[in-house]
């Protein structure tokens, strides 16, 4: 499979007749699997009725949904449902039977947003010490290999693999889509457990552009199914002078 992939990529790279492949190689990069349990919230623009209820609670003492219903001319069932939601979300409570905003309720009213807690979720992240970053990997396209080439010759063995919550949240948030009025937000990391390290192959091509008289690298990351510009820049920066001596 790797040979067929390599041949396909070589044909692609040489479509420009000014480009010559002067060297090819294969190597692997280590990928650390990290299982993360986290708490998300759904953040949305606060609707008009919720805003009206919260503003009313700030200004007037109310004890029953019926009182809100009569003031706002809204069916009492809608009021009851909304009060239940706001209580569950920690926006309001009752003190001496009077509805009051909590600190959280005051903050969200001021911001015009409503955050609803969702059930805990679990996700798998993939950390590459060669990139010093989490990679966005399509798990459905990962493959097992019987034989893998040697590790990348510039592997940073000291790369940090203790992850801050902020790093995990940033990586998880990349997969969440947002609309104009709503977004799923990672609120808290419950647990992060580093699992096994699996090596993943990369295909290296050193190219010479005759027209521009330059040597540079193209690296195909098999795990990502795309050209890897981070590794290309690393390799070109470290070896371009050597290529000049060796291939010119």
Protein backbone atom coordinates (compact mmCIF):
# COMPACT_ATOMS: atom_id res chain seq x y z
CA UNK A 1 0.00 0.00 0.00
CA UNK A 2 2.79 2.41 0.95
CA UNK A 3 4.56 1.82 -2.35
CA UNK A 4 1.39 2.61 -4.32
CA UNK A 5 0.82 5.73 -2.26
CA UNK A 6 4.41 6.82 -2.78
CA UNK A 7 4.13 6.32 -6.54
CA UNK A 8 0.89 8.31 -6.69
CA UNK A 9 2.44 11.19 -4.76
CA UNK A 10 5.54 11.17 -6.96
CA UNK A 11 3.38 11.46 -10.08
CA UNK A 12 1.51 14.34 -8.47
CA UNK A 13 4.71 16.17 -7.50
CA UNK A 14 6.25 15.78 -10.96
CA UNK A 15 3.33 17.17 -12.93
CA UNK A 16 5.38 20.34 -13.17
CA UNK A 17 8.31 19.41 -15.44
CA UNK A 18 10.54 21.92 -13.69
CA UNK A 19 10.31 19.82 -10.51
CA UNK A 20 12.75 16.97 -9.95
CA UNK A 21 12.61 14.54 -7.03
CA UNK A 22 16.17 14.17 -5.78
CA UNK A 23 15.55 12.10 -2.66
CA UNK A 24 12.80 10.03 -1.00
CA UNK A 25 12.57 8.56 2.47
CA UNK A 26 10.11 7.07 4.95
CA UNK A 27 9.96 7.54 8.71
CA UNK A 28 7.46 7.54 11.54
CA UNK A 29 6.28 10.02 14.12
CA UNK A 30 4.96 8.98 17.56
CA UNK A 31 1.36 9.82 18.39
CA UNK A 32 0.19 9.85 22.00
CA UNK A 33 -3.48 8.90 22.50
CA UNK A 34 -5.25 10.86 25.25
CA UNK A 35 -8.76 9.99 26.46
CA UNK A 36 -10.53 13.06 27.85
CA UNK A 37 -13.73 13.26 29.89
CA UNK A 38 -15.22 16.74 29.90
CA UNK A 39 -18.30 18.79 30.71
CA UNK A 40 -19.77 20.87 27.88
CA UNK A 41 -22.37 23.62 28.04
CA UNK A 42 -24.65 24.90 25.33
CA UNK A 43 -24.16 28.67 25.08
CA UNK A 44 -26.89 30.56 23.26
CA UNK A 45 -28.31 34.04 22.95
CA UNK A 46 -30.76 34.57 25.81
CA UNK A 47 -34.31 34.61 24.48
CA UNK A 48 -36.71 37.49 25.08
CA UNK A 49 -38.99 35.76 27.61
CA UNK A 50 -36.08 34.61 29.79
CA UNK A 51 -34.64 38.13 29.71
CA UNK A 52 -37.99 39.59 30.72
CA UNK A 53 -38.34 37.15 33.61
CA UNK A 54 -34.88 37.86 34.96
CA UNK A 55 -35.31 41.62 34.66
CA UNK A 56 -38.68 41.36 36.42
CA UNK A 57 -37.13 39.37 39.28
CA UNK A 58 -34.52 42.10 39.74
CA UNK A 59 -37.14 44.82 40.05
CA UNK A 60 -40.14 43.19 41.75
CA UNK A 61 -40.63 40.49 44.40
CA UNK A 62 -42.45 37.51 42.88
CA UNK A 63 -43.36 34.29 44.66
CA UNK A 64 -45.31 32.29 42.08
CA UNK A 65 -45.26 31.62 38.32
CA UNK A 66 -48.85 32.86 38.22
CA UNK A 67 -47.71 36.36 39.17
CA UNK A 68 -45.25 36.42 36.26
CA UNK A 69 -47.93 35.08 33.94
CA UNK A 70 -50.32 37.90 34.84
CA UNK A 71 -47.61 40.57 34.51
CA UNK A 72 -46.18 39.39 31.21
CA UNK A 73 -49.44 38.05 29.73
CA UNK A 74 -47.80 34.68 28.99
CA UNK A 75 -49.30 31.24 29.61
CA UNK A 76 -48.35 30.07 33.10
CA UNK A 77 -47.11 26.71 31.72
CA UNK A 78 -44.42 28.51 29.70
CA UNK A 79 -43.42 30.45 32.80
CA UNK A 80 -43.21 27.28 34.91
CA UNK A 81 -41.06 25.50 32.33
CA UNK A 82 -38.70 28.45 32.03
CA UNK A 83 -38.38 28.83 35.81
CA UNK A 84 -37.53 25.12 36.08
CA UNK A 85 -34.83 25.52 33.40
CA UNK A 86 -33.35 28.62 35.07
CA UNK A 87 -33.30 26.94 38.49
CA UNK A 88 -31.57 23.88 37.06
CA UNK A 89 -29.02 26.11 35.35
CA UNK A 90 -28.36 27.98 38.61
CA UNK A 91 -29.57 31.36 37.35
CA UNK A 92 -32.22 31.84 40.05
CA UNK A 93 -33.20 30.56 43.47
CA UNK A 94 -35.91 31.29 46.03
CA UNK A 95 -35.16 33.00 49.31
CA UNK A 96 -38.09 33.31 51.74
CA UNK A 97 -40.29 32.19 48.80
CA UNK A 98 -39.18 35.15 46.63
CA UNK A 99 -37.43 34.51 43.31
CA UNK A 100 -33.97 36.09 43.11
CA UNK A 101 -31.12 36.07 40.63
CA UNK A 102 -27.93 34.30 41.62
CA UNK A 103 -24.52 35.77 40.80
CA UNK A 104 -24.45 33.47 37.76
CA UNK A 105 -27.89 34.72 36.71
CA UNK A 106 -26.79 38.35 37.01
CA UNK A 107 -23.68 37.68 34.91
CA UNK A 108 -25.55 35.87 32.14
CA UNK A 109 -28.29 38.51 32.04
CA UNK A 110 -25.66 41.24 31.68
CA UNK A 111 -23.97 39.28 28.87
CA UNK A 112 -27.25 38.37 27.17
CA UNK A 113 -26.29 34.68 27.05
CA UNK A 114 -27.72 31.49 28.48
CA UNK A 115 -25.52 28.52 29.32
CA UNK A 116 -27.18 25.15 29.80
CA UNK A 117 -25.11 22.32 31.25
CA UNK A 118 -24.96 19.14 29.14
CA UNK A 119 -24.06 15.56 30.07
CA UNK A 120 -20.41 14.60 30.40
CA UNK A 121 -18.76 13.41 27.20
CA UNK A 122 -15.63 11.44 26.33
CA UNK A 123 -13.30 12.12 23.40
CA UNK A 124 -9.96 10.81 22.16
CA UNK A 125 -7.22 13.30 21.29
CA UNK A 126 -3.96 12.64 19.44
CA UNK A 127 -0.83 14.49 20.52
CA UNK A 128 2.26 14.70 18.32
CA UNK A 129 5.51 15.71 20.05
CA UNK A 130 6.95 16.45 16.60
CA UNK A 131 4.31 19.14 16.12
CA UNK A 132 4.11 20.13 19.81
CA UNK A 133 0.36 20.05 19.27
CA UNK A 134 -2.78 17.94 19.13
CA UNK A 135 -3.61 16.80 15.61
CA UNK A 136 -7.09 16.72 14.15
CA UNK A 137 -7.37 13.05 13.23
CA UNK A 138 -10.22 11.24 11.51
CA UNK A 139 -10.41 8.09 13.67
CA UNK A 140 -12.46 6.32 11.02
CA UNK A 141 -9.48 6.50 8.62
CA UNK A 142 -6.72 5.32 10.98
CA UNK A 143 -4.97 2.10 10.00
CA UNK A 144 -2.73 -0.55 11.55
CA UNK A 145 0.66 -1.30 9.98
CA UNK A 146 2.65 -4.54 10.19
CA UNK A 147 5.97 -2.78 9.70
CA UNK A 148 6.83 0.84 10.31
CA UNK A 149 9.96 2.77 9.28
CA UNK A 150 12.39 4.22 11.82
CA UNK A 151 11.40 7.25 13.89
CA UNK A 152 11.81 10.78 12.59
CA UNK A 153 15.45 11.78 12.89
CA UNK A 154 14.63 15.10 14.55
CA UNK A 155 12.21 13.72 17.13
CA UNK A 156 12.14 15.90 20.23
CA UNK A 157 12.28 13.30 23.01
CA UNK A 158 11.92 16.03 25.62
CA UNK A 159 8.61 17.31 24.22
CA UNK A 160 6.15 18.00 27.01
CA UNK A 161 3.40 15.40 27.34
CA UNK A 162 1.77 16.72 30.49
CA UNK A 163 -1.21 18.66 29.26
CA UNK A 164 -2.80 21.76 30.75
CA UNK A 165 -6.60 21.90 30.82
CA UNK A 166 -6.44 24.93 28.51
CA UNK A 167 -4.60 22.85 25.86
CA UNK A 168 -7.17 20.07 26.08
CA UNK A 169 -10.09 22.52 25.89
CA UNK A 170 -8.59 24.23 22.84
CA UNK A 171 -8.13 20.88 21.07
CA UNK A 172 -11.65 19.71 21.91
CA UNK A 173 -13.21 23.03 20.93
CA UNK A 174 -11.82 22.76 17.39
CA UNK A 175 -14.35 20.02 16.64
CA UNK A 176 -17.38 22.00 17.85
CA UNK A 177 -19.38 23.90 15.26
CA UNK A 178 -21.06 27.17 16.10
CA UNK A 179 -24.13 28.86 14.64
CA UNK A 180 -25.06 32.52 14.76
CA UNK A 181 -27.01 32.06 18.00
CA UNK A 182 -25.64 28.91 19.68
CA UNK A 183 -22.37 27.14 20.42
CA UNK A 184 -21.33 24.08 22.37
CA UNK A 185 -18.53 25.13 24.71
CA UNK A 186 -16.12 22.95 26.69
CA UNK A 187 -16.59 24.18 30.25
CA UNK A 188 -14.46 21.81 32.32
CA UNK A 189 -12.01 18.93 31.98
CA UNK A 190 -13.05 16.15 34.34
CA UNK A 191 -10.25 13.70 33.58
CA UNK A 192 -7.47 13.23 31.04
CA UNK A 193 -5.70 9.89 30.72
CA UNK A 194 -2.70 9.42 28.45
CA UNK A 195 -2.85 6.04 26.75
CA UNK A 196 -0.52 4.21 24.39
CA UNK A 197 1.88 5.70 21.87
CA UNK A 198 1.39 4.56 18.29
CA UNK A 199 3.85 5.37 15.52
CA UNK A 200 2.47 6.74 12.28
CA UNK A 201 4.37 6.82 8.94
CA UNK A 202 5.31 9.84 6.86
CA UNK A 203 6.70 9.97 3.31
CA UNK A 204 9.50 12.42 2.60
CA UNK A 205 10.31 13.92 -0.81
CA UNK A 206 13.15 16.35 -1.43
CA UNK A 207 12.44 18.38 -4.54
CA UNK A 208 14.57 20.57 -6.77
CA UNK A 209 12.86 23.36 -8.68
CA UNK A 210 15.06 24.01 -11.74
CA UNK A 211 13.37 27.27 -12.65
CA UNK A 212 13.73 28.84 -9.20
CA UNK A 213 16.91 26.94 -8.27
CA UNK A 214 15.62 25.93 -4.85
CA UNK A 215 15.53 22.70 -2.85
CA UNK A 216 12.67 22.01 -0.46
CA UNK A 217 10.79 19.17 1.24
CA UNK A 218 7.27 17.81 0.87
CA UNK A 219 6.08 15.50 3.63
CA UNK A 220 2.97 13.35 3.33
CA UNK A 221 1.46 12.62 6.75
CA UNK A 222 -0.33 9.28 6.38
CA UNK A 223 -2.31 9.75 9.60
CA UNK A 224 -3.68 13.11 8.44
CA UNK A 225 -4.01 12.05 4.78
CA UNK A 226 -2.44 15.33 3.65
CA UNK A 227 0.78 17.25 3.14
CA UNK A 228 2.24 18.28 6.48
CA UNK A 229 3.52 21.86 6.28
CA UNK A 230 4.84 21.86 9.86
CA UNK A 231 7.19 18.94 9.22
CA UNK A 232 8.10 20.31 5.80
CA UNK A 233 9.24 23.58 7.34
CA UNK A 234 11.17 21.76 10.07
CA UNK A 235 13.03 19.55 7.65
CA UNK A 236 13.77 22.28 5.12
CA UNK A 237 15.15 24.56 7.85
CA UNK A 238 17.43 21.82 9.21
CA UNK A 239 18.70 20.26 5.97
CA UNK A 240 18.48 22.75 3.13
CA UNK A 241 22.21 23.54 3.27
CA UNK A 242 23.05 19.83 3.23
CA UNK A 243 20.82 19.31 0.21
CA UNK A 244 22.70 22.05 -1.61
CA UNK A 245 25.96 20.20 -1.10
CA UNK A 246 24.54 16.77 -1.83
CA UNK A 247 22.14 17.24 -4.71
CA UNK A 248 23.48 20.27 -6.66
